[in-house]
C-alpha atoms as a PDB file:
ATOM      1  CA  MET A   1    -276.452-283.054-275.536  1.00  0.00           C
ATOM      2  CA  SER A   2    -272.952-283.471-276.959  1.00  0.00           C
ATOM      3  CA  ALA A   3    -271.278-286.533-278.421  1.00  0.00           C
ATOM      4  CA  VAL A   4    -267.900-284.858-277.818  1.00  0.00           C
ATOM      5  CA  LEU A   5    -266.142-286.461-274.870  1.00  0.00           C
ATOM      6  CA  PRO A   6    -264.664-284.376-272.039  1.00  0.00           C
ATOM      7  CA  PRO A   7    -260.851-284.275-272.063  1.00  0.00           C
ATOM      8  CA  ASP A   8    -259.259-286.586-269.494  1.00  0.00           C
ATOM      9  CA  ASP A   9    -256.147-284.434-269.121  1.00  0.00           C
ATOM     10  CA  ASP A  10    -254.459-281.369-270.587  1.00  0.00           C
ATOM     11  CA  ALA A  11    -252.881-283.355-273.423  1.00  0.00           C
ATOM     12  CA  ALA A  12    -256.363-284.347-274.631  1.00  0.00           C
ATOM     13  CA  ILE A  13    -257.633-280.791-275.076  1.00  0.00           C
ATOM     14  CA  PRO A  14    -256.428-280.322-278.709  1.00  0.00           C
ATOM     15  CA  ALA A  15    -258.320-283.485-279.724  1.00  0.00           C
ATOM     16  CA  PHE A  16    -261.395-282.145-277.903  1.00  0.00           C
ATOM     17  CA  CYS A  17    -261.177-278.929-279.934  1.00  0.00           C
ATOM     18  CA  ARG A  18    -260.834-280.850-283.199  1.00  0.00           C
ATOM     19  CA  ALA A  19    -263.832-283.027-282.347  1.00  0.00           C
ATOM     20  CA  LEU A  20    -265.856-279.914-281.557  1.00  0.00           C
ATOM     21  CA  GLY A  21    -264.771-278.243-284.796  1.00  0.00           C
ATOM     22  CA  ILE A  22    -263.121-275.166-283.302  1.00  0.00           C
ATOM     23  CA  PRO A  23    -259.553-273.941-283.894  1.00  0.00           C
ATOM     24  CA  GLY A  24    -258.725-273.884-280.191  1.00  0.00           C
ATOM     25  CA  LEU A  25    -259.773-272.201-276.956  1.00  0.00           C
ATOM     26  CA  ALA A  26    -260.207-268.515-276.124  1.00  0.00           C
ATOM     27  CA  ASP A  27    -259.658-268.039-272.375  1.00  0.00           C
ATOM     28  CA  ALA A  28    -260.744-264.652-271.024  1.00  0.00           C
ATOM     29  CA  HIS A  29    -259.429-265.210-267.495  1.00  0.00           C
ATOM     30  CA  VAL A  30    -255.706-266.038-267.422  1.00  0.00           C
ATOM     31  CA  HIS A  31    -253.205-264.294-265.145  1.00  0.00           C
ATOM     32  CA  PHE A  32    -249.617-263.280-265.784  1.00  0.00           C
ATOM     33  CA  LEU A  33    -247.995-260.911-263.293  1.00  0.00           C
ATOM     34  CA  PRO A  34    -244.600-259.272-262.753  1.00  0.00           C
ATOM     35  CA  PRO A  35    -242.356-261.833-261.007  1.00  0.00           C
ATOM     36  CA  ARG A  36    -242.243-260.176-257.592  1.00  0.00           C
ATOM     37  CA  LEU A  37    -246.013-259.701-257.477  1.00  0.00           C
ATOM     38  CA  GLN A  38    -246.576-263.238-258.762  1.00  0.00           C
ATOM     39  CA  ARG A  39    -244.495-264.638-255.897  1.00  0.00           C
ATOM     40  CA  ARG A  40    -246.509-262.645-253.366  1.00  0.00           C
ATOM     41  CA  VAL A  41    -249.809-263.806-254.828  1.00  0.00           C
ATOM     42  CA  TRP A  42    -248.709-267.436-254.648  1.00  0.00           C
ATOM     43  CA  GLU A  43    -247.514-266.954-251.071  1.00  0.00           C
ATOM     44  CA  TYR A  44    -250.978-265.620-250.220  1.00  0.00           C
ATOM     45  CA  PHE A  45    -252.589-268.707-251.734  1.00  0.00           C
ATOM     46  CA  ASP A  46    -250.119-270.960-249.926  1.00  0.00           C
ATOM     47  CA  ALA A  47    -251.082-269.369-246.610  1.00  0.00           C
ATOM     48  CA  ALA A  48    -254.834-269.650-247.398  1.00  0.00           C
ATOM     49  CA  GLY A  49    -255.118-265.946-246.670  1.00  0.00           C
ATOM     50  CA  PRO A  50    -258.340-264.342-245.408  1.00  0.00           C
ATOM     51  CA  LEU A  51    -259.642-263.686-248.931  1.00  0.00           C
ATOM     52  CA  ILE A  52    -258.999-267.333-249.906  1.00  0.00           C
ATOM     53  CA  GLY A  53    -260.535-269.106-246.935  1.00  0.00           C
ATOM     54  CA  ARG A  54    -259.325-272.651-247.677  1.00  0.00           C
ATOM     55  CA  ALA A  55    -256.343-274.691-248.843  1.00  0.00           C
ATOM     56  CA  TRP A  56    -255.589-273.748-252.443  1.00  0.00           C
ATOM     57  CA  PRO A  57    -252.434-275.409-253.853  1.00  0.00           C
ATOM     58  CA  ILE A  58    -251.285-273.786-257.106  1.00  0.00           C
ATOM     59  CA  ARG A  59    -251.129-276.386-259.881  1.00  0.00           C
ATOM     60  CA  TYR A  60    -249.050-274.488-262.447  1.00  0.00           C
ATOM     61  CA  ARG A  61    -246.292-272.861-260.412  1.00  0.00           C
ATOM     62  CA  TRP A  62    -244.016-272.453-263.420  1.00  0.00           C
ATOM     63  CA  PRO A  63    -242.015-269.651-265.052  1.00  0.00           C
ATOM     64  CA  ASP A  64    -243.926-267.363-267.421  1.00  0.00           C
ATOM     65  CA  GLN A  65    -242.680-268.816-270.671  1.00  0.00           C
ATOM     66  CA  GLN A  66    -243.313-272.387-269.552  1.00  0.00           C
ATOM     67  CA  ARG A  67    -246.884-271.465-268.666  1.00  0.00           C
ATOM     68  CA  ALA A  68    -247.401-269.673-271.988  1.00  0.00           C
ATOM     69  CA  ALA A  69    -245.996-272.694-273.837  1.00  0.00           C
ATOM     70  CA  HIS A  70    -248.363-274.990-271.940  1.00  0.00           C
ATOM     71  CA  LEU A  71    -251.343-272.853-272.919  1.00  0.00           C
ATOM     72  CA  ARG A  72    -250.313-273.079-276.573  1.00  0.00           C
ATOM     73  CA  ALA A  73    -249.747-276.846-276.305  1.00  0.00           C
ATOM     74  CA  MET A  74    -253.294-277.248-274.978  1.00  0.00           C
ATOM     75  CA  GLY A  75    -254.642-275.262-277.909  1.00  0.00           C
ATOM     76  CA  VAL A  76    -255.411-272.063-276.014  1.00  0.00           C
ATOM     77  CA  ARG A  77    -254.950-269.676-278.928  1.00  0.00           C
ATOM     78  CA  VAL A  78    -256.279-266.555-277.208  1.00  0.00           C
ATOM     79  CA  PHE A  79    -255.627-265.675-273.566  1.00  0.00           C
ATOM     80  CA  THR A  80    -255.302-262.675-271.283  1.00  0.00           C
ATOM     81  CA  ALA A  81    -252.629-261.510-268.855  1.00  0.00           C
ATOM     82  CA  LEU A  82    -254.927-260.116-266.188  1.00  0.00           C
ATOM     83  CA  ALA A  83    -253.205-258.091-263.493  1.00  0.00           C
ATOM     84  CA  TYR A  84    -255.091-256.207-260.791  1.00  0.00           C
ATOM     85  CA  ALA A  85    -254.155-253.333-258.521  1.00  0.00           C
ATOM     86  CA  HIS A  86    -254.846-253.567-254.788  1.00  0.00           C
ATOM     87  CA  ARG A  87    -253.480-250.189-253.691  1.00  0.00           C
ATOM     88  CA  PRO A  88    -252.927-246.707-255.150  1.00  0.00           C
ATOM     89  CA  GLY A  89    -249.944-246.038-257.376  1.00  0.00           C
ATOM     90  CA  MET A  90    -249.437-249.508-258.829  1.00  0.00           C
ATOM     91  CA  ALA A  91    -251.876-249.806-261.745  1.00  0.00           C
ATOM     92  CA  ALA A  92    -249.905-247.736-264.273  1.00  0.00           C
ATOM     93  CA  GLY A  93    -246.750-249.796-263.724  1.00  0.00           C
ATOM     94  CA  LEU A  94    -248.712-253.040-263.947  1.00  0.00           C
ATOM     95  CA  ASN A  95    -250.167-251.874-267.247  1.00  0.00           C
ATOM     96  CA  ASP A  96    -246.724-251.178-268.689  1.00  0.00           C
ATOM     97  CA  TRP A  97    -245.594-254.681-267.714  1.00  0.00           C
ATOM     98  CA  SER A  98    -248.756-256.426-268.948  1.00  0.00           C
ATOM     99  CA  LEU A  99    -248.763-254.652-272.308  1.00  0.00           C
ATOM    100  CA  GLY A 100    -245.088-255.464-272.782  1.00  0.00           C
ATOM    101  CA  PHE A 101    -245.713-259.094-271.901  1.00  0.00           C
ATOM    102  CA  ALA A 102    -248.498-259.301-274.491  1.00  0.00           C
ATOM    103  CA  ARG A 103    -246.276-257.814-277.188  1.00  0.00           C
ATOM    104  CA  ALA A 104    -243.695-260.532-276.516  1.00  0.00           C
ATOM    105  CA  THR A 105    -246.121-263.447-276.108  1.00  0.00           C
ATOM    106  CA  PRO A 106    -248.053-264.905-279.068  1.00  0.00           C
ATOM    107  CA  GLY A 107    -251.747-265.335-278.345  1.00  0.00           C
ATOM    108  CA  CYS A 108    -251.771-262.974-275.377  1.00  0.00           C
ATOM    109  CA  VAL A 109    -254.376-260.196-275.507  1.00  0.00           C
ATOM    110  CA  PRO A 110    -253.033-256.795-274.369  1.00  0.00           C
ATOM    111  CA  SER A 111    -254.402-256.391-270.849  1.00  0.00           C
ATOM    112  CA  ALA A 112    -254.588-253.599-268.262  1.00  0.00           C
ATOM    113  CA  THR A 113    -256.099-252.694-264.885  1.00  0.00           C
ATOM    114  CA  CYS A 114    -257.233-249.674-262.898  1.00  0.00           C
ATOM    115  CA  TYR A 115    -257.822-248.514-259.324  1.00  0.00           C
ATOM    116  CA  PRO A 116    -259.804-245.606-257.813  1.00  0.00           C
ATOM    117  CA  GLU A 117    -257.219-242.829-257.653  1.00  0.00           C
ATOM    118  CA  PRO A 118    -256.896-239.274-258.989  1.00  0.00           C
ATOM    119  CA  ASP A 119    -254.866-240.138-262.106  1.00  0.00           C
ATOM    120  CA  VAL A 120    -256.973-243.126-263.185  1.00  0.00           C
ATOM    121  CA  ALA A 121    -258.376-241.412-266.297  1.00  0.00           C
ATOM    122  CA  SER A 122    -254.888-240.533-267.507  1.00  0.00           C
ATOM    123  CA  TYR A 123    -253.369-244.003-267.315  1.00  0.00           C
ATOM    124  CA  VAL A 124    -256.525-245.780-268.527  1.00  0.00           C
ATOM    125  CA  ALA A 125    -256.521-243.535-271.598  1.00  0.00           C
ATOM    126  CA  GLY A 126    -252.811-244.244-272.003  1.00  0.00           C
ATOM    127  CA  ALA A 127    -253.361-248.008-271.834  1.00  0.00           C
ATOM    128  CA  LEU A 128    -256.159-247.805-274.391  1.00  0.00           C
ATOM    129  CA  ASP A 129    -253.922-245.758-276.696  1.00  0.00           C
ATOM    130  CA  ALA A 130    -251.210-248.394-276.243  1.00  0.00           C
ATOM    131  CA  GLY A 131    -253.588-251.105-277.472  1.00  0.00           C
ATOM    132  CA  ALA A 132    -255.153-252.607-274.344  1.00  0.00           C
ATOM    133  CA  ARG A 133    -258.091-254.822-275.385  1.00  0.00           C
ATOM    134  CA  VAL A 134    -259.218-256.051-271.971  1.00  0.00           C
ATOM    135  CA  PHE A 135    -259.107-254.653-268.424  1.00  0.00           C
ATOM    136  CA  LYS A 136    -259.312-256.371-265.050  1.00  0.00           C
ATOM    137  CA  VAL A 137    -260.841-255.004-261.841  1.00  0.00           C
ATOM    138  CA  HIS A 138    -260.807-257.128-258.677  1.00  0.00           C
ATOM    139  CA  LEU A 139    -263.236-255.656-256.153  1.00  0.00           C
ATOM    140  CA  GLN A 140    -262.583-258.355-253.551  1.00  0.00           C
ATOM    141  CA  VAL A 141    -258.785-258.089-253.494  1.00  0.00           C
ATOM    142  CA  GLY A 142    -258.743-254.354-254.223  1.00  0.00           C
ATOM    143  CA  GLY A 143    -261.107-253.679-251.331  1.00  0.00           C
ATOM    144  CA  PHE A 144    -262.835-250.738-253.007  1.00  0.00           C
ATOM    145  CA  ALA A 145    -266.383-249.906-253.983  1.00  0.00           C
ATOM    146  CA  PRO A 146    -267.043-250.190-257.720  1.00  0.00           C
ATOM    147  CA  ASP A 147    -269.039-246.956-257.583  1.00  0.00           C
ATOM    148  CA  ASP A 148    -266.217-245.024-255.917  1.00  0.00           C
ATOM    149  CA  PRO A 149    -266.397-241.553-257.565  1.00  0.00           C
ATOM    150  CA  LEU A 150    -262.660-241.726-258.318  1.00  0.00           C
ATOM    151  CA  LEU A 151    -263.291-244.741-260.547  1.00  0.00           C
ATOM    152  CA  ALA A 152    -266.153-243.167-262.510  1.00  0.00           C
ATOM    153  CA  PRO A 153    -263.879-241.671-265.211  1.00  0.00           C
ATOM    154  CA  ALA A 154    -262.416-245.109-265.916  1.00  0.00           C
ATOM    155  CA  TRP A 155    -265.834-246.738-266.296  1.00  0.00           C
ATOM    156  CA  GLY A 156    -266.793-243.932-268.665  1.00  0.00           C
ATOM    157  CA  LEU A 157    -263.684-244.312-270.795  1.00  0.00           C
ATOM    158  CA  LEU A 158    -264.070-248.085-271.009  1.00  0.00           C
ATOM    159  CA  ALA A 159    -267.766-247.827-271.889  1.00  0.00           C
ATOM    160  CA  GLU A 160    -266.997-245.311-274.617  1.00  0.00           C
ATOM    161  CA  ALA A 161    -264.149-247.423-276.013  1.00  0.00           C
ATOM    162  CA  GLY A 162    -266.187-250.643-275.887  1.00  0.00           C
ATOM    163  CA  VAL A 163    -263.226-252.459-274.330  1.00  0.00           C
ATOM    164  CA  PRO A 164    -264.313-255.297-272.019  1.00  0.00           C
ATOM    165  CA  VAL A 165    -263.431-255.286-268.339  1.00  0.00           C
ATOM    166  CA  VAL A 166    -263.316-258.561-266.406  1.00  0.00           C
ATOM    167  CA  VAL A 167    -264.704-257.748-262.959  1.00  0.00           C
ATOM    168  CA  HIS A 168    -264.469-259.976-259.904  1.00  0.00           C
ATOM    169  CA  ALA A 169    -267.742-258.699-258.478  1.00  0.00           C
ATOM    170  CA  GLY A 170    -269.064-261.829-256.761  1.00  0.00           C
ATOM    171  CA  HIS A 171    -268.694-262.786-253.110  1.00  0.00           C
ATOM    172  CA  ALA A 172    -266.767-266.038-253.692  1.00  0.00           C
ATOM    173  CA  PRO A 173    -264.514-267.261-252.264  1.00  0.00           C
ATOM    174  CA  VAL A 174    -264.932-264.774-249.382  1.00  0.00           C
ATOM    175  CA  ALA A 175    -267.422-261.902-249.347  1.00  0.00           C
ATOM    176  CA  THR A 176    -266.424-258.293-248.689  1.00  0.00           C
ATOM    177  CA  ALA A 177    -268.421-255.100-248.283  1.00  0.00           C
ATOM    178  CA  HIS A 178    -267.976-254.248-251.960  1.00  0.00           C
ATOM    179  CA  THR A 179    -268.789-257.577-253.627  1.00  0.00           C
ATOM    180  CA  GLY A 180    -272.152-258.927-254.739  1.00  0.00           C
ATOM    181  CA  PRO A 181    -274.646-257.971-257.441  1.00  0.00           C
ATOM    182  CA  GLY A 182    -275.808-254.796-255.707  1.00  0.00           C
ATOM    183  CA  PRO A 183    -272.596-252.728-255.782  1.00  0.00           C
ATOM    184  CA  PHE A 184    -271.686-253.608-259.364  1.00  0.00           C
ATOM    185  CA  GLY A 185    -275.313-253.323-260.459  1.00  0.00           C
ATOM    186  CA  ALA A 186    -275.158-249.694-259.322  1.00  0.00           C
ATOM    187  CA  VAL A 187    -272.214-249.108-261.685  1.00  0.00           C
ATOM    188  CA  LEU A 188    -274.100-250.637-264.598  1.00  0.00           C
ATOM    189  CA  ALA A 189    -277.087-248.421-263.874  1.00  0.00           C
ATOM    190  CA  ARG A 190    -274.801-245.397-264.291  1.00  0.00           C
ATOM    191  CA  HIS A 191    -272.797-246.852-267.208  1.00  0.00           C
ATOM    192  CA  PRO A 192    -275.242-249.111-269.072  1.00  0.00           C
ATOM    193  CA  ARG A 193    -272.943-249.343-272.113  1.00  0.00           C
ATOM    194  CA  LEU A 194    -270.059-250.758-270.101  1.00  0.00           C
ATOM    195  CA  ARG A 195    -268.783-253.979-271.705  1.00  0.00           C
ATOM    196  CA  ALA A 196    -268.342-255.987-268.510  1.00  0.00           C
ATOM    197  CA  VAL A 197    -267.463-259.651-268.016  1.00  0.00           C
ATOM    198  CA  VAL A 198    -268.478-260.882-264.561  1.00  0.00           C
ATOM    199  CA  ALA A 199    -265.848-263.358-263.366  1.00  0.00           C
ATOM    200  CA  HIS A 200    -266.769-266.780-261.932  1.00  0.00           C
ATOM    201  CA  LEU A 201    -270.356-266.359-263.222  1.00  0.00           C
ATOM    202  CA  GLY A 202    -270.811-264.074-260.208  1.00  0.00           C
ATOM    203  CA  ALA A 203    -270.510-266.938-257.706  1.00  0.00           C
ATOM    204  CA  PRO A 204    -272.244-267.607-255.410  1.00  0.00           C
ATOM    205  CA  ASP A 205    -274.985-265.149-256.496  1.00  0.00           C
ATOM    206  CA  TYR A 206    -275.330-266.750-259.896  1.00  0.00           C
ATOM    207  CA  GLU A 207    -278.922-265.893-260.662  1.00  0.00           C
ATOM    208  CA  PRO A 208    -278.765-262.153-259.850  1.00  0.00           C
ATOM    209  CA  PHE A 209    -275.681-261.858-262.059  1.00  0.00           C
ATOM    210  CA  LEU A 210    -277.362-263.838-264.846  1.00  0.00           C
ATOM    211  CA  LEU A 211    -280.139-261.270-264.616  1.00  0.00           C
ATOM    212  CA  LEU A 212    -277.647-258.432-265.087  1.00  0.00           C
ATOM    213  CA  ALA A 213    -276.366-260.156-268.241  1.00  0.00           C
ATOM    214  CA  GLU A 214    -279.945-260.528-269.453  1.00  0.00           C
ATOM    215  CA  ASP A 215    -280.823-256.898-268.680  1.00  0.00           C
ATOM    216  CA  TYR A 216    -277.683-255.172-270.019  1.00  0.00           C
ATOM    217  CA  GLU A 217    -276.723-255.600-273.659  1.00  0.00           C
ATOM    218  CA  ARG A 218    -272.972-255.492-273.060  1.00  0.00           C
ATOM    219  CA  VAL A 219    -272.718-257.592-269.892  1.00  0.00           C
ATOM    220  CA  ALA A 220    -271.332-261.131-270.134  1.00  0.00           C
ATOM    221  CA  LEU A 221    -269.985-263.703-267.663  1.00  0.00           C
ATOM    222  CA  ASP A 222    -267.016-266.043-267.599  1.00  0.00           C
ATOM    223  CA  THR A 223    -267.018-269.643-266.406  1.00  0.00           C
ATOM    224  CA  THR A 224    -263.864-269.389-264.303  1.00  0.00           C
ATOM    225  CA  MET A 225    -263.592-272.327-261.880  1.00  0.00           C
ATOM    226  CA  VAL A 226    -267.328-273.014-261.904  1.00  0.00           C
ATOM    227  CA  PHE A 227    -268.396-276.621-262.673  1.00  0.00           C
ATOM    228  CA  THR A 228    -265.166-278.060-261.217  1.00  0.00           C
ATOM    229  CA  SER A 229    -265.295-280.352-258.199  1.00  0.00           C
ATOM    230  CA  PHE A 230    -263.164-277.877-256.235  1.00  0.00           C
ATOM    231  CA  PHE A 231    -265.569-274.993-256.804  1.00  0.00           C
ATOM    232  CA  ASP A 232    -268.719-277.094-256.497  1.00  0.00           C
ATOM    233  CA  ASP A 233    -267.815-277.637-252.845  1.00  0.00           C
ATOM    234  CA  LEU A 234    -267.640-273.857-252.405  1.00  0.00           C
ATOM    235  CA  ALA A 235    -270.476-272.514-254.563  1.00  0.00           C
ATOM    236  CA  PRO A 236    -272.426-275.037-256.672  1.00  0.00           C
ATOM    237  CA  PHE A 237    -274.281-273.647-259.680  1.00  0.00           C
ATOM    238  CA  PRO A 238    -278.067-274.139-259.426  1.00  0.00           C
ATOM    239  CA  ALA A 239    -279.359-276.712-261.901  1.00  0.00           C
ATOM    240  CA  ALA A 240    -282.535-274.690-262.378  1.00  0.00           C
ATOM    241  CA  ALA A 241    -280.486-271.859-263.902  1.00  0.00           C
ATOM    242  CA  LEU A 242    -278.838-274.008-266.610  1.00  0.00           C
ATOM    243  CA  PRO A 243    -281.417-273.105-269.300  1.00  0.00           C
ATOM    244  CA  ARG A 244    -280.646-269.405-268.736  1.00  0.00           C
ATOM    245  CA  LEU A 245    -276.914-270.158-268.936  1.00  0.00           C
ATOM    246  CA  ARG A 246    -277.459-271.979-272.221  1.00  0.00           C
ATOM    247  CA  SER A 247    -279.443-269.088-273.698  1.00  0.00           C
ATOM    248  CA  LEU A 248    -276.839-266.549-272.646  1.00  0.00           C
ATOM    249  CA  GLY A 249    -274.002-268.660-274.048  1.00  0.00           C
ATOM    250  CA  LEU A 250    -275.701-268.994-277.417  1.00  0.00           C
ATOM    251  CA  ALA A 251    -276.277-265.225-277.352  1.00  0.00           C
ATOM    252  CA  GLY A 252    -272.522-264.600-276.993  1.00  0.00           C
ATOM    253  CA  LYS A 253    -272.675-263.710-273.291  1.00  0.00           C
ATOM    254  CA  VAL A 254    -270.816-266.589-271.619  1.00  0.00           C
ATOM    255  CA  LEU A 255    -267.051-266.927-272.103  1.00  0.00           C
ATOM    256  CA  LEU A 256    -264.534-269.554-271.120  1.00  0.00           C
ATOM    257  CA  GLY A 257    -262.423-268.529-268.143  1.00  0.00           C
ATOM    258  CA  SER A 258    -259.992-270.640-266.118  1.00  0.00           C
ATOM    259  CA  ASP A 259    -257.923-268.596-263.578  1.00  0.00           C
ATOM    260  CA  PHE A 260    -254.814-270.345-264.948  1.00  0.00           C
ATOM    261  CA  PRO A 261    -252.249-270.715-263.387  1.00  0.00           C
ATOM    262  CA  ASN A 262    -253.857-270.121-259.974  1.00  0.00           C
ATOM    263  CA  ILE A 263    -255.923-273.304-259.926  1.00  0.00           C
ATOM    264  CA  PRO A 264    -255.560-276.412-257.747  1.00  0.00           C
ATOM    265  CA  TYR A 265    -256.500-278.938-260.458  1.00  0.00           C
ATOM    266  CA  PRO A 266    -255.619-279.639-264.121  1.00  0.00           C
ATOM    267  CA  TYR A 267    -256.805-277.093-266.681  1.00  0.00           C
ATOM    268  CA  ALA A 268    -258.703-279.892-268.438  1.00  0.00           C
ATOM    269  CA  GLU A 269    -261.083-280.152-265.474  1.00  0.00           C
ATOM    270  CA  GLN A 270    -262.606-276.770-266.375  1.00  0.00           C
ATOM    271  CA  ILE A 271    -263.304-277.941-269.929  1.00  0.00           C
ATOM    272  CA  ALA A 272    -264.619-281.323-268.794  1.00  0.00           C
ATOM    273  CA  GLY A 273    -267.002-279.598-266.387  1.00  0.00           C
ATOM    274  CA  LEU A 274    -268.506-277.570-269.219  1.00  0.00           C
ATOM    275  CA  VAL A 275    -268.958-280.670-271.379  1.00  0.00           C
ATOM    276  CA  ARG A 276    -270.701-282.545-268.581  1.00  0.00           C
ATOM    277  CA  LEU A 277    -273.390-279.854-268.372  1.00  0.00           C
ATOM    278  CA  GLY A 278    -274.927-281.351-271.502  1.00  0.00           C
ATOM    279  CA  LEU A 279    -275.858-277.973-273.002  1.00  0.00           C
ATOM    280  CA  GLY A 280    -274.951-279.045-276.546  1.00  0.00           C
ATOM    281  CA  GLU A 281    -272.102-278.706-279.002  1.00  0.00           C
ATOM    282  CA  ALA A 282    -273.262-275.321-280.335  1.00  0.00           C
ATOM    283  CA  TRP A 283    -273.071-273.969-276.770  1.00  0.00           C
ATOM    284  CA  LEU A 284    -269.623-275.478-276.234  1.00  0.00           C
ATOM    285  CA  ARG A 285    -268.337-273.979-279.490  1.00  0.00           C
ATOM    286  CA  ALA A 286    -269.684-270.581-278.524  1.00  0.00           C
ATOM    287  CA  VAL A 287    -268.343-270.632-274.964  1.00  0.00           C
ATOM    288  CA  CYS A 288    -264.978-272.290-275.599  1.00  0.00           C
ATOM    289  CA  TRP A 289    -264.066-270.293-278.693  1.00  0.00           C
ATOM    290  CA  HIS A 290    -266.413-267.965-280.579  1.00  0.00           C
ATOM    291  CA  ASN A 291    -267.613-265.697-277.765  1.00  0.00           C
ATOM    292  CA  GLY A 292    -264.184-265.065-276.287  1.00  0.00           C
ATOM    293  CA  ALA A 293    -262.398-264.643-279.613  1.00  0.00           C
ATOM    294  CA  ARG A 294    -265.047-262.173-280.748  1.00  0.00           C
ATOM    295  CA  LEU A 295    -265.162-260.134-277.521  1.00  0.00           C
ATOM    296  CA  LEU A 296    -261.392-259.897-277.175  1.00  0.00           C
ATOM    297  CA  GLY A 297    -261.078-258.558-280.700  1.00  0.00           C
ATOM    298  CA  THR A 298    -258.687-261.148-282.060  1.00  0.00           C
ATOM    299  CA  GLY A 299    -260.147-261.320-285.538  1.00  0.00           C
ATOM    300  CA  GLU A 300    -260.297-265.109-285.093  1.00  0.00           C
ATOM    301  CA  ALA A 301    -263.927-265.553-284.104  1.00  0.00           C
ATOM    302  CA  GLY A 302    -264.847-267.557-287.195  1.00  0.00           C
END
């Protein structure tokens, strides 16, 4: 159990970090997108599109620099700028934008994406050479199979480089033919050294994805949206699996994720949900700071 109190609002998060004895938060699942694409994504959420399935009002519909400043004010010292391609021909341009955004934004980890297409090996190698330290693949939105042969060179390059890739592989919020533990498990069987981070703890198939993290040395999971009241209505985490979650977190295999800014509640609710699990202060320190800072290669894991 923890004597550290959950933050009541965003302004209380720095005090939470001080009480826990960590320098801040490391958030492995934050999105920044080119303005035109960002507008389209928010419009999709506003319309509760078919891959959303419910009302989903965006809480932090602010300009980029205001959102980055808010992250810093909350004590989020390390964060990503995850973009994701949903059609051929867009990933390389997204990578140029994301890497440029990271260079101009303190605390932002250089981020990139990929899509199954003939030139994927070329632009993934280019992004790695340009300093990308995390990739994002969204199987649900992208609508492609993770074991598509066109994507195999990218998985190989990422496994060899040891650069983590945040993968939306779970069915939530709406299942597709290519989501779930089976399709991504097939990729891991072929690329067992892939440093993957399963988004949303693999919701709603939590336990099969926990098993993948237990079976594969380099597989981790992020907490994105899980343990919030909004997500509990959609895909509650099974209480019986909490001991496994605790063990994985202490082993460095559970990372804080938020989905900021695309969340319908205050950022603090994600942190408060983790505290209320009662898995202990060592687990909170690992999940909220150490694991993410270490995996994302910031040099600030201590």
